[in-house]
Amino acid sequence: MLRYTLMRFGIFVGCLLAVWGLVYSGLAPRGLGDSNGLWIILLALVFSAPISFVVLRKQRDVASESIVRRVDRAKAGLEANRSQEDDVDDDTRGTQGRAQDQEQEQAKAS
């Protein structure tokens, strides 16, 4: 996951430098007034998103599989905890039920 994030950040920085060069050389339009820095960042985001989508497909799939495995482990752990709680609850109810049955039998015998 960290590798994918760093690679995506690297593509963004590369696009940022390329857009900055294009804007300051006059090949790309400048932003309005003092918004030139924001304009460059926005253009870099617009260009880096599709590049990352195509170039990092394999790394994105690997990261996704890693996340799915972690979620499945967490779900299994929660299910194990839930079943342990159910077993303890069933045991407790069984003990209480037997005690109530014994009390009722003693009351009938009296």
PDB file of N, CA and C in Angstrom:
ATOM      1  N   MET A   1       0.824  -1.187   0.000  1.00  0.00           N
ATOM      2  CA  MET A   1       0.000   0.000   0.000  1.00  0.00           C
ATOM      3  C   MET A   1       0.872   1.256   0.000  1.00  0.00           C
ATOM      4  N   LEU A   2       1.909   1.261   0.799  1.00  0.00           N
ATOM      5  CA  LEU A   2       2.817   2.406   0.858  1.00  0.00           C
ATOM      6  C   LEU A   2       3.517   2.592  -0.490  1.00  0.00           C
ATOM      7  N   ARG A   3       3.895   1.478  -1.106  1.00  0.00           N
ATOM      8  CA  ARG A   3       4.567   1.548  -2.410  1.00  0.00           C
ATOM      9  C   ARG A   3       3.655   2.208  -3.446  1.00  0.00           C
ATOM     10  N   TYR A   4       2.394   1.801  -3.473  1.00  0.00           N
ATOM     11  CA  TYR A   4       1.434   2.383  -4.419  1.00  0.00           C
ATOM     12  C   TYR A   4       1.273   3.878  -4.165  1.00  0.00           C
ATOM     13  N   THR A   5       1.160   4.266  -2.905  1.00  0.00           N
ATOM     14  CA  THR A   5       0.999   5.676  -2.559  1.00  0.00           C
ATOM     15  C   THR A   5       2.213   6.490  -2.987  1.00  0.00           C
ATOM     16  N   LEU A   6       3.403   5.955  -2.736  1.00  0.00           N
ATOM     17  CA  LEU A   6       4.621   6.671  -3.128  1.00  0.00           C
ATOM     18  C   LEU A   6       4.746   6.775  -4.641  1.00  0.00           C
ATOM     19  N   MET A   7       4.369   5.716  -5.346  1.00  0.00           N
ATOM     20  CA  MET A   7       4.430   5.763  -6.808  1.00  0.00           C
ATOM     21  C   MET A   7       3.424   6.784  -7.353  1.00  0.00           C
ATOM     22  N   ARG A   8       2.264   6.827  -6.764  1.00  0.00           N
ATOM     23  CA  ARG A   8       1.258   7.799  -7.212  1.00  0.00           C
ATOM     24  C   ARG A   8       1.729   9.222  -6.922  1.00  0.00           C
ATOM     25  N   PHE A   9       2.318   9.424  -5.761  1.00  0.00           N
ATOM     26  CA  PHE A   9       2.865  10.732  -5.418  1.00  0.00           C
ATOM     27  C   PHE A   9       3.974  11.126  -6.389  1.00  0.00           C
ATOM     28  N   GLY A  10       4.807  10.162  -6.772  1.00  0.00           N
ATOM     29  CA  GLY A  10       5.877  10.424  -7.736  1.00  0.00           C
ATOM     30  C   GLY A  10       5.339  10.853  -9.092  1.00  0.00           C
ATOM     31  N   ILE A  11       4.278  10.208  -9.542  1.00  0.00           N
ATOM     32  CA  ILE A  11       3.657  10.601 -10.808  1.00  0.00           C
ATOM     33  C   ILE A  11       3.101  12.017 -10.695  1.00  0.00           C
ATOM     34  N   PHE A  12       2.473  12.341  -9.559  1.00  0.00           N
ATOM     35  CA  PHE A  12       1.952  13.693  -9.371  1.00  0.00           C
ATOM     36  C   PHE A  12       3.075  14.724  -9.411  1.00  0.00           C
ATOM     37  N   VAL A  13       4.185  14.448  -8.723  1.00  0.00           N
ATOM     38  CA  VAL A  13       5.307  15.397  -8.707  1.00  0.00           C
ATOM     39  C   VAL A  13       5.866  15.573 -10.113  1.00  0.00           C
ATOM     40  N   GLY A  14       5.982  14.475 -10.862  1.00  0.00           N
ATOM     41  CA  GLY A  14       6.447  14.575 -12.247  1.00  0.00           C
ATOM     42  C   GLY A  14       5.522  15.430 -13.096  1.00  0.00           C
ATOM     43  N   CYS A  15       4.218  15.233 -12.937  1.00  0.00           N
ATOM     44  CA  CYS A  15       3.249  16.059 -13.667  1.00  0.00           C
ATOM     45  C   CYS A  15       3.313  17.510 -13.209  1.00  0.00           C
ATOM     46  N   LEU A  16       3.523  17.724 -11.922  1.00  0.00           N
ATOM     47  CA  LEU A  16       3.619  19.081 -11.396  1.00  0.00           C
ATOM     48  C   LEU A  16       4.805  19.810 -12.030  1.00  0.00           C
ATOM     49  N   LEU A  17       5.932  19.152 -12.111  1.00  0.00           N
ATOM     50  CA  LEU A  17       7.106  19.766 -12.720  1.00  0.00           C
ATOM     51  C   LEU A  17       6.885  20.022 -14.209  1.00  0.00           C
ATOM     52  N   ALA A  18       6.259  19.063 -14.886  1.00  0.00           N
ATOM     53  CA  ALA A  18       5.998  19.235 -16.318  1.00  0.00           C
ATOM     54  C   ALA A  18       5.032  20.397 -16.570  1.00  0.00           C
ATOM     55  N   VAL A  19       3.962  20.468 -15.795  1.00  0.00           N
ATOM     56  CA  VAL A  19       2.994  21.549 -15.962  1.00  0.00           C
ATOM     57  C   VAL A  19       3.636  22.887 -15.614  1.00  0.00           C
ATOM     58  N   TRP A  20       4.421  22.918 -14.552  1.00  0.00           N
ATOM     59  CA  TRP A  20       5.107  24.152 -14.176  1.00  0.00           C
ATOM     60  C   TRP A  20       5.985  24.645 -15.328  1.00  0.00           C
ATOM     61  N   GLY A  21       6.731  23.728 -15.942  1.00  0.00           N
ATOM     62  CA  GLY A  21       7.572  24.094 -17.084  1.00  0.00           C
ATOM     63  C   GLY A  21       6.755  24.593 -18.263  1.00  0.00           C
ATOM     64  N   LEU A  22       5.627  23.936 -18.532  1.00  0.00           N
ATOM     65  CA  LEU A  22       4.780  24.368 -19.645  1.00  0.00           C
ATOM     66  C   LEU A  22       4.158  25.745 -19.390  1.00  0.00           C
ATOM     67  N   VAL A  23       3.724  25.990 -18.174  1.00  0.00           N
ATOM     68  CA  VAL A  23       3.100  27.277 -17.852  1.00  0.00           C
ATOM     69  C   VAL A  23       4.121  28.402 -17.926  1.00  0.00           C
ATOM     70  N   TYR A  24       5.286  28.190 -17.351  1.00  0.00           N
ATOM     71  CA  TYR A  24       6.279  29.264 -17.338  1.00  0.00           C
ATOM     72  C   TYR A  24       6.976  29.450 -18.676  1.00  0.00           C
ATOM     73  N   SER A  25       6.903  28.465 -19.552  1.00  0.00           N
ATOM     74  CA  SER A  25       7.444  28.660 -20.900  1.00  0.00           C
ATOM     75  C   SER A  25       6.404  29.287 -21.828  1.00  0.00           C
ATOM     76  N   GLY A  26       5.164  29.358 -21.362  1.00  0.00           N
ATOM     77  CA  GLY A  26       4.117  29.990 -22.156  1.00  0.00           C
ATOM     78  C   GLY A  26       3.343  29.021 -23.033  1.00  0.00           C
ATOM     79  N   LEU A  27       3.643  27.730 -22.972  1.00  0.00           N
ATOM     80  CA  LEU A  27       2.936  26.749 -23.795  1.00  0.00           C
ATOM     81  C   LEU A  27       1.574  26.378 -23.211  1.00  0.00           C
ATOM     82  N   ALA A  28       1.389  26.579 -21.925  1.00  0.00           N
ATOM     83  CA  ALA A  28       0.099  26.341 -21.271  1.00  0.00           C
ATOM     84  C   ALA A  28      -0.369  27.667 -20.680  1.00  0.00           C
ATOM     85  N   PRO A  29      -1.675  27.867 -20.596  1.00  0.00           N
ATOM     86  CA  PRO A  29      -2.167  29.166 -20.099  1.00  0.00           C
ATOM     87  C   PRO A  29      -1.854  29.363 -18.607  1.00  0.00           C
ATOM     88  N   ARG A  30      -1.628  30.615 -18.249  1.00  0.00           N
ATOM     89  CA  ARG A  30      -1.405  30.970 -16.850  1.00  0.00           C
ATOM     90  C   ARG A  30      -2.752  31.115 -16.150  1.00  0.00           C
ATOM     91  N   GLY A  31      -2.740  31.000 -14.824  1.00  0.00           N
ATOM     92  CA  GLY A  31      -3.960  31.205 -14.053  1.00  0.00           C
ATOM     93  C   GLY A  31      -4.326  32.677 -14.016  1.00  0.00           C
ATOM     94  N   LEU A  32      -5.471  32.963 -13.465  1.00  0.00           N
ATOM     95  CA  LEU A  32      -5.933  34.346 -13.361  1.00  0.00           C
ATOM     96  C   LEU A  32      -5.327  35.019 -12.142  1.00  0.00           C
ATOM     97  N   GLY A  33      -4.738  36.164 -12.307  1.00  0.00           N
ATOM     98  CA  GLY A  33      -4.201  36.942 -11.186  1.00  0.00           C
ATOM     99  C   GLY A  33      -3.152  36.177 -10.399  1.00  0.00           C
ATOM    100  N   ASP A  34      -3.383  36.065  -9.084  1.00  0.00           N
ATOM    101  CA  ASP A  34      -2.434  35.392  -8.198  1.00  0.00           C
ATOM    102  C   ASP A  34      -2.705  33.899  -8.073  1.00  0.00           C
ATOM    103  N   SER A  35      -3.590  33.345  -8.864  1.00  0.00           N
ATOM    104  CA  SER A  35      -3.964  31.936  -8.735  1.00  0.00           C
ATOM    105  C   SER A  35      -3.077  31.008  -9.549  1.00  0.00           C
ATOM    106  N   ASN A  36      -1.947  31.479 -10.015  1.00  0.00           N
ATOM    107  CA  ASN A  36      -1.106  30.670 -10.887  1.00  0.00           C
ATOM    108  C   ASN A  36      -0.640  29.377 -10.207  1.00  0.00           C
ATOM    109  N   GLY A  37      -0.245  29.436  -8.918  1.00  0.00           N
ATOM    110  CA  GLY A  37       0.205  28.232  -8.206  1.00  0.00           C
ATOM    111  C   GLY A  37      -0.906  27.208  -8.083  1.00  0.00           C
ATOM    112  N   LEU A  38      -2.090  27.687  -7.754  1.00  0.00           N
ATOM    113  CA  LEU A  38      -3.241  26.787  -7.653  1.00  0.00           C
ATOM    114  C   LEU A  38      -3.586  26.183  -9.012  1.00  0.00           C
ATOM    115  N   TRP A  39      -3.471  26.987 -10.062  1.00  0.00           N
ATOM    116  CA  TRP A  39      -3.736  26.519 -11.422  1.00  0.00           C
ATOM    117  C   TRP A  39      -2.767  25.391 -11.802  1.00  0.00           C
ATOM    118  N   ILE A  40      -1.516  25.558 -11.466  1.00  0.00           N
ATOM    119  CA  ILE A  40      -0.505  24.535 -11.781  1.00  0.00           C
ATOM    120  C   ILE A  40      -0.811  23.246 -11.035  1.00  0.00           C
ATOM    121  N   ILE A  41      -1.162  23.349  -9.753  1.00  0.00           N
ATOM    122  CA  ILE A  41      -1.494  22.151  -8.961  1.00  0.00           C
ATOM    123  C   ILE A  41      -2.725  21.459  -9.529  1.00  0.00           C
ATOM    124  N   LEU A  42      -3.730  22.241  -9.890  1.00  0.00           N
ATOM    125  CA  LEU A  42      -4.955  21.672 -10.453  1.00  0.00           C
ATOM    126  C   LEU A  42      -4.676  20.945 -11.765  1.00  0.00           C
ATOM    127  N   LEU A  43      -3.898  21.564 -12.650  1.00  0.00           N
ATOM    128  CA  LEU A  43      -3.547  20.901 -13.910  1.00  0.00           C
ATOM    129  C   LEU A  43      -2.744  19.625 -13.659  1.00  0.00           C
ATOM    130  N   ALA A  44      -1.821  19.666 -12.692  1.00  0.00           N
ATOM    131  CA  ALA A  44      -1.028  18.478 -12.378  1.00  0.00           C
ATOM    132  C   ALA A  44      -1.922  17.353 -11.867  1.00  0.00           C
ATOM    133  N   LEU A  45      -2.911  17.684 -11.039  1.00  0.00           N
ATOM    134  CA  LEU A  45      -3.854  16.659 -10.561  1.00  0.00           C
ATOM    135  C   LEU A  45      -4.659  16.070 -11.713  1.00  0.00           C
ATOM    136  N   VAL A  46      -5.116  16.932 -12.616  1.00  0.00           N
ATOM    137  CA  VAL A  46      -5.925  16.473 -13.757  1.00  0.00           C
ATOM    138  C   VAL A  46      -5.113  15.550 -14.661  1.00  0.00           C
ATOM    139  N   PHE A  47      -3.835  15.846 -14.874  1.00  0.00           N
ATOM    140  CA  PHE A  47      -3.008  15.008 -15.731  1.00  0.00           C
ATOM    141  C   PHE A  47      -2.518  13.745 -15.026  1.00  0.00           C
ATOM    142  N   SER A  48      -2.238  13.839 -13.731  1.00  0.00           N
ATOM    143  CA  SER A  48      -1.667  12.678 -13.034  1.00  0.00           C
ATOM    144  C   SER A  48      -2.710  11.595 -12.752  1.00  0.00           C
ATOM    145  N   ALA A  49      -3.976  11.964 -12.597  1.00  0.00           N
ATOM    146  CA  ALA A  49      -5.004  10.970 -12.267  1.00  0.00           C
ATOM    147  C   ALA A  49      -5.147   9.888 -13.339  1.00  0.00           C
ATOM    148  N   PRO A  50      -5.351  10.243 -14.611  1.00  0.00           N
ATOM    149  CA  PRO A  50      -5.471   9.169 -15.616  1.00  0.00           C
ATOM    150  C   PRO A  50      -4.159   8.418 -15.843  1.00  0.00           C
ATOM    151  N   ILE A  51      -3.036   9.129 -15.718  1.00  0.00           N
ATOM    152  CA  ILE A  51      -1.750   8.439 -15.873  1.00  0.00           C
ATOM    153  C   ILE A  51      -1.593   7.392 -14.780  1.00  0.00           C
ATOM    154  N   SER A  52      -1.901   7.751 -13.541  1.00  0.00           N
ATOM    155  CA  SER A  52      -1.816   6.805 -12.425  1.00  0.00           C
ATOM    156  C   SER A  52      -2.780   5.645 -12.627  1.00  0.00           C
ATOM    157  N   PHE A  53      -3.960   5.936 -13.124  1.00  0.00           N
ATOM    158  CA  PHE A  53      -4.967   4.892 -13.332  1.00  0.00           C
ATOM    159  C   PHE A  53      -4.462   3.836 -14.309  1.00  0.00           C
ATOM    160  N   VAL A  54      -3.802   4.259 -15.360  1.00  0.00           N
ATOM    161  CA  VAL A  54      -3.319   3.321 -16.378  1.00  0.00           C
ATOM    162  C   VAL A  54      -1.999   2.674 -15.967  1.00  0.00           C
ATOM    163  N   VAL A  55      -1.053   3.478 -15.525  1.00  0.00           N
ATOM    164  CA  VAL A  55       0.298   2.980 -15.258  1.00  0.00           C
ATOM    165  C   VAL A  55       0.357   2.119 -13.999  1.00  0.00           C
ATOM    166  N   LEU A  56      -0.417   2.442 -12.983  1.00  0.00           N
ATOM    167  CA  LEU A  56      -0.314   1.751 -11.697  1.00  0.00           C
ATOM    168  C   LEU A  56      -1.403   0.691 -11.498  1.00  0.00           C
ATOM    169  N   ARG A  57      -1.965   0.190 -12.567  1.00  0.00           N
ATOM    170  CA  ARG A  57      -3.044  -0.799 -12.461  1.00  0.00           C
ATOM    171  C   ARG A  57      -2.598  -2.038 -11.671  1.00  0.00           C
ATOM    172  N   LYS A  58      -1.439  -2.568 -11.988  1.00  0.00           N
ATOM    173  CA  LYS A  58      -0.955  -3.784 -11.319  1.00  0.00           C
ATOM    174  C   LYS A  58      -0.723  -3.527  -9.820  1.00  0.00           C
ATOM    175  N   GLN A  59      -0.089  -2.402  -9.499  1.00  0.00           N
ATOM    176  CA  GLN A  59       0.174  -2.078  -8.097  1.00  0.00           C
ATOM    177  C   GLN A  59      -1.129  -1.819  -7.339  1.00  0.00           C
ATOM    178  N   ARG A  60      -2.114  -1.228  -8.014  1.00  0.00           N
ATOM    179  CA  ARG A  60      -3.410  -0.972  -7.378  1.00  0.00           C
ATOM    180  C   ARG A  60      -4.116  -2.295  -7.065  1.00  0.00           C
ATOM    181  N   ASP A  61      -4.012  -3.272  -7.982  1.00  0.00           N
ATOM    182  CA  ASP A  61      -4.617  -4.581  -7.733  1.00  0.00           C
ATOM    183  C   ASP A  61      -3.952  -5.290  -6.555  1.00  0.00           C
ATOM    184  N   VAL A  62      -2.632  -5.189  -6.464  1.00  0.00           N
ATOM    185  CA  VAL A  62      -1.910  -5.803  -5.348  1.00  0.00           C
ATOM    186  C   VAL A  62      -2.319  -5.140  -4.029  1.00  0.00           C
ATOM    187  N   ALA A  63      -2.400  -3.829  -4.025  1.00  0.00           N
ATOM    188  CA  ALA A  63      -2.809  -3.104  -2.812  1.00  0.00           C
ATOM    189  C   ALA A  63      -4.239  -3.466  -2.435  1.00  0.00           C
ATOM    190  N   SER A  64      -5.103  -3.604  -3.428  1.00  0.00           N
ATOM    191  CA  SER A  64      -6.495  -3.967  -3.162  1.00  0.00           C
ATOM    192  C   SER A  64      -6.591  -5.364  -2.553  1.00  0.00           C
ATOM    193  N   GLU A  65      -5.827  -6.303  -3.067  1.00  0.00           N
ATOM    194  CA  GLU A  65      -5.831  -7.662  -2.507  1.00  0.00           C
ATOM    195  C   GLU A  65      -5.342  -7.653  -1.067  1.00  0.00           C
ATOM    196  N   SER A  66      -4.349  -6.844  -0.777  1.00  0.00           N
ATOM    197  CA  SER A  66      -3.840  -6.732   0.587  1.00  0.00           C
ATOM    198  C   SER A  66      -4.923  -6.201   1.527  1.00  0.00           C
ATOM    199  N   ILE A  67      -5.654  -5.198   1.075  1.00  0.00           N
ATOM    200  CA  ILE A  67      -6.726  -4.633   1.897  1.00  0.00           C
ATOM    201  C   ILE A  67      -7.828  -5.657   2.111  1.00  0.00           C
ATOM    202  N   VAL A  68      -8.183  -6.410   1.064  1.00  0.00           N
ATOM    203  CA  VAL A  68      -9.234  -7.430   1.182  1.00  0.00           C
ATOM    204  C   VAL A  68      -8.821  -8.504   2.186  1.00  0.00           C
ATOM    205  N   ARG A  69      -7.548  -8.917   2.156  1.00  0.00           N
ATOM    206  CA  ARG A  69      -7.066  -9.922   3.120  1.00  0.00           C
ATOM    207  C   ARG A  69      -7.175  -9.396   4.548  1.00  0.00           C
ATOM    208  N   ARG A  70      -6.799  -8.128   4.768  1.00  0.00           N
ATOM    209  CA  ARG A  70      -6.883  -7.560   6.116  1.00  0.00           C
ATOM    210  C   ARG A  70      -8.333  -7.471   6.592  1.00  0.00           C
ATOM    211  N   VAL A  71      -9.225  -7.088   5.699  1.00  0.00           N
ATOM    212  CA  VAL A  71     -10.641  -6.998   6.073  1.00  0.00           C
ATOM    213  C   VAL A  71     -11.188  -8.385   6.402  1.00  0.00           C
ATOM    214  N   ASP A  72     -10.817  -9.392   5.605  1.00  0.00           N
ATOM    215  CA  ASP A  72     -11.280 -10.758   5.873  1.00  0.00           C
ATOM    216  C   ASP A  72     -10.766 -11.273   7.217  1.00  0.00           C
ATOM    217  N   ARG A  73      -9.496 -10.959   7.540  1.00  0.00           N
ATOM    218  CA  ARG A  73      -8.958 -11.371   8.844  1.00  0.00           C
ATOM    219  C   ARG A  73      -9.704 -10.683   9.973  1.00  0.00           C
ATOM    220  N   ALA A  74      -9.999  -9.421   9.801  1.00  0.00           N
ATOM    221  CA  ALA A  74     -10.736  -8.686  10.845  1.00  0.00           C
ATOM    222  C   ALA A  74     -12.134  -9.262  11.020  1.00  0.00           C
ATOM    223  N   LYS A  75     -12.798  -9.589   9.908  1.00  0.00           N
ATOM    224  CA  LYS A  75     -14.138 -10.185   9.990  1.00  0.00           C
ATOM    225  C   LYS A  75     -14.084 -11.539  10.686  1.00  0.00           C
ATOM    226  N   ALA A  76     -13.072 -12.346  10.365  1.00  0.00           N
ATOM    227  CA  ALA A  76     -12.932 -13.653  11.009  1.00  0.00           C
ATOM    228  C   ALA A  76     -12.695 -13.491  12.506  1.00  0.00           C
ATOM    229  N   GLY A  77     -11.877 -12.514  12.881  1.00  0.00           N
ATOM    230  CA  GLY A  77     -11.629 -12.264  14.302  1.00  0.00           C
ATOM    231  C   GLY A  77     -12.893 -11.829  15.023  1.00  0.00           C
ATOM    232  N   LEU A  78     -13.668 -10.969  14.393  1.00  0.00           N
ATOM    233  CA  LEU A  78     -14.930 -10.535  15.003  1.00  0.00           C
ATOM    234  C   LEU A  78     -15.903 -11.700  15.136  1.00  0.00           C
ATOM    235  N   GLU A  79     -15.963 -12.548  14.131  1.00  0.00           N
ATOM    236  CA  GLU A  79     -16.861 -13.713  14.178  1.00  0.00           C
ATOM    237  C   GLU A  79     -16.424 -14.687  15.272  1.00  0.00           C
ATOM    238  N   ALA A  80     -15.117 -14.869  15.428  1.00  0.00           N
ATOM    239  CA  ALA A  80     -14.616 -15.744  16.493  1.00  0.00           C
ATOM    240  C   ALA A  80     -14.980 -15.176  17.858  1.00  0.00           C
ATOM    241  N   ASN A  81     -14.834 -13.882  18.031  1.00  0.00           N
ATOM    242  CA  ASN A  81     -15.215 -13.247  19.301  1.00  0.00           C
ATOM    243  C   ASN A  81     -16.710 -13.383  19.553  1.00  0.00           C
ATOM    244  N   ARG A  82     -17.478 -13.200  18.498  1.00  0.00           N
ATOM    245  CA  ARG A  82     -18.930 -13.302  18.646  1.00  0.00           C
ATOM    246  C   ARG A  82     -19.335 -14.722  19.052  1.00  0.00           C
ATOM    247  N   SER A  83     -18.719 -15.736  18.433  1.00  0.00           N
ATOM    248  CA  SER A  83     -19.071 -17.114  18.777  1.00  0.00           C
ATOM    249  C   SER A  83     -18.625 -17.456  20.199  1.00  0.00           C
ATOM    250  N   GLN A  84     -17.492 -16.911  20.647  1.00  0.00           N
ATOM    251  CA  GLN A  84     -17.053 -17.136  22.024  1.00  0.00           C
ATOM    252  C   GLN A  84     -18.052 -16.518  22.999  1.00  0.00           C
ATOM    253  N   GLU A  85     -18.520 -15.315  22.686  1.00  0.00           N
ATOM    254  CA  GLU A  85     -19.504 -14.664  23.551  1.00  0.00           C
ATOM    255  C   GLU A  85     -20.799 -15.470  23.578  1.00  0.00           C
ATOM    256  N   ASP A  86     -21.212 -15.998  22.425  1.00  0.00           N
ATOM    257  CA  ASP A  86     -22.429 -16.800  22.372  1.00  0.00           C
ATOM    258  C   ASP A  86     -22.282 -18.065  23.211  1.00  0.00           C
ATOM    259  N   ASP A  87     -21.094 -18.709  23.131  1.00  0.00           N
ATOM    260  CA  ASP A  87     -20.867 -19.924  23.917  1.00  0.00           C
ATOM    261  C   ASP A  87     -20.931 -19.631  25.414  1.00  0.00           C
ATOM    262  N   VAL A  88     -20.305 -18.542  25.839  1.00  0.00           N
ATOM    263  CA  VAL A  88     -20.327 -18.168  27.252  1.00  0.00           C
ATOM    264  C   VAL A  88     -21.753 -17.853  27.674  1.00  0.00           C
ATOM    265  N   ASP A  89     -22.483 -17.136  26.838  1.00  0.00           N
ATOM    266  CA  ASP A  89     -23.870 -16.783  27.144  1.00  0.00           C
ATOM    267  C   ASP A  89     -24.732 -18.037  27.245  1.00  0.00           C
ATOM    268  N   ASP A  90     -24.543 -18.977  26.313  1.00  0.00           N
ATOM    269  CA  ASP A  90     -25.309 -20.224  26.356  1.00  0.00           C
ATOM    270  C   ASP A  90     -24.995 -21.019  27.616  1.00  0.00           C
ATOM    271  N   ASP A  91     -23.706 -21.083  27.976  1.00  0.00           N
ATOM    272  CA  ASP A  91     -23.316 -21.799  29.195  1.00  0.00           C
ATOM    273  C   ASP A  91     -23.941 -21.152  30.420  1.00  0.00           C
ATOM    274  N   THR A  92     -23.929 -19.832  30.474  1.00  0.00           N
ATOM    275  CA  THR A  92     -24.501 -19.110  31.611  1.00  0.00           C
ATOM    276  C   THR A  92     -25.995 -19.343  31.696  1.00  0.00           C
ATOM    277  N   ARG A  93     -26.675 -19.279  30.591  1.00  0.00           N
ATOM    278  CA  ARG A  93     -28.116 -19.496  30.582  1.00  0.00           C
ATOM    279  C   ARG A  93     -28.464 -20.934  30.938  1.00  0.00           C
ATOM    280  N   GLY A  94     -27.620 -21.858  30.501  1.00  0.00           N
ATOM    281  CA  GLY A  94     -27.854 -23.261  30.847  1.00  0.00           C
ATOM    282  C   GLY A  94     -27.715 -23.497  32.338  1.00  0.00           C
ATOM    283  N   THR A  95     -26.708 -22.912  32.971  1.00  0.00           N
ATOM    284  CA  THR A  95     -26.491 -23.046  34.408  1.00  0.00           C
ATOM    285  C   THR A  95     -27.642 -22.405  35.167  1.00  0.00           C
ATOM    286  N   GLN A  96     -28.066 -21.229  34.746  1.00  0.00           N
ATOM    287  CA  GLN A  96     -29.174 -20.556  35.421  1.00  0.00           C
ATOM    288  C   GLN A  96     -30.466 -21.334  35.238  1.00  0.00           C
ATOM    289  N   GLY A  97     -30.661 -21.885  34.061  1.00  0.00           N
ATOM    290  CA  GLY A  97     -31.878 -22.661  33.801  1.00  0.00           C
ATOM    291  C   GLY A  97     -31.947 -23.903  34.687  1.00  0.00           C
ATOM    292  N   ARG A  98     -30.809 -24.601  34.851  1.00  0.00           N
ATOM    293  CA  ARG A  98     -30.785 -25.781  35.719  1.00  0.00           C
ATOM    294  C   ARG A  98     -31.050 -25.407  37.162  1.00  0.00           C
ATOM    295  N   ALA A  99     -30.492 -24.275  37.603  1.00  0.00           N
ATOM    296  CA  ALA A  99     -30.717 -23.824  38.982  1.00  0.00           C
ATOM    297  C   ALA A  99     -32.186 -23.483  39.197  1.00  0.00           C
ATOM    298  N   GLN A 100     -32.817 -22.873  38.216  1.00  0.00           N
ATOM    299  CA  GLN A 100     -34.241 -22.543  38.346  1.00  0.00           C
ATOM    300  C   GLN A 100     -35.080 -23.824  38.374  1.00  0.00           C
ATOM    301  N   ASP A 101     -34.724 -24.805  37.551  1.00  0.00           N
ATOM    302  CA  ASP A 101     -35.462 -26.077  37.539  1.00  0.00           C
ATOM    303  C   ASP A 101     -35.353 -26.763  38.903  1.00  0.00           C
ATOM    304  N   GLN A 102     -34.149 -26.748  39.505  1.00  0.00           N
ATOM    305  CA  GLN A 102     -33.966 -27.365  40.811  1.00  0.00           C
ATOM    306  C   GLN A 102     -34.788 -26.644  41.870  1.00  0.00           C
ATOM    307  N   GLU A 103     -34.844 -25.303  41.804  1.00  0.00           N
ATOM    308  CA  GLU A 103     -35.638 -24.546  42.765  1.00  0.00           C
ATOM    309  C   GLU A 103     -37.118 -24.880  42.631  1.00  0.00           C
ATOM    310  N   GLN A 104     -37.589 -25.019  41.395  1.00  0.00           N
ATOM    311  CA  GLN A 104     -38.991 -25.347  41.173  1.00  0.00           C
ATOM    312  C   GLN A 104     -39.305 -26.742  41.690  1.00  0.00           C
ATOM    313  N   GLU A 105     -38.392 -27.692  41.498  1.00  0.00           N
ATOM    314  CA  GLU A 105     -38.606 -29.051  42.007  1.00  0.00           C
ATOM    315  C   GLU A 105     -38.653 -29.065  43.524  1.00  0.00           C
ATOM    316  N   GLN A 106     -37.758 -28.274  44.163  1.00  0.00           N
ATOM    317  CA  GLN A 106     -37.761 -28.208  45.629  1.00  0.00           C
ATOM    318  C   GLN A 106     -39.025 -27.555  46.139  1.00  0.00           C
ATOM    319  N   ALA A 107     -39.535 -26.570  45.418  1.00  0.00           N
ATOM    320  CA  ALA A 107     -40.761 -25.911  45.841  1.00  0.00           C
ATOM    321  C   ALA A 107     -41.939 -26.882  45.736  1.00  0.00           C
ATOM    322  N   LYS A 108     -41.968 -27.709  44.703  1.00  0.00           N
ATOM    323  CA  LYS A 108     -43.042 -28.674  44.533  1.00  0.00           C
ATOM    324  C   LYS A 108     -42.969 -29.767  45.610  1.00  0.00           C
ATOM    325  N   ALA A 109     -41.721 -30.140  45.976  1.00  0.00           N
ATOM    326  CA  ALA A 109     -41.543 -31.182  46.965  1.00  0.00           C
ATOM    327  C   ALA A 109     -41.939 -30.707  48.352  1.00  0.00           C
ATOM    328  N   SER A 110     -41.898 -29.442  48.606  1.00  0.00           N
ATOM    329  CA  SER A 110     -42.221 -28.929  49.951  1.00  0.00           C
ATOM    330  C   SER A 110     -43.647 -28.910  50.240  1.00  0.00           C
TER     331      SER A 110
END
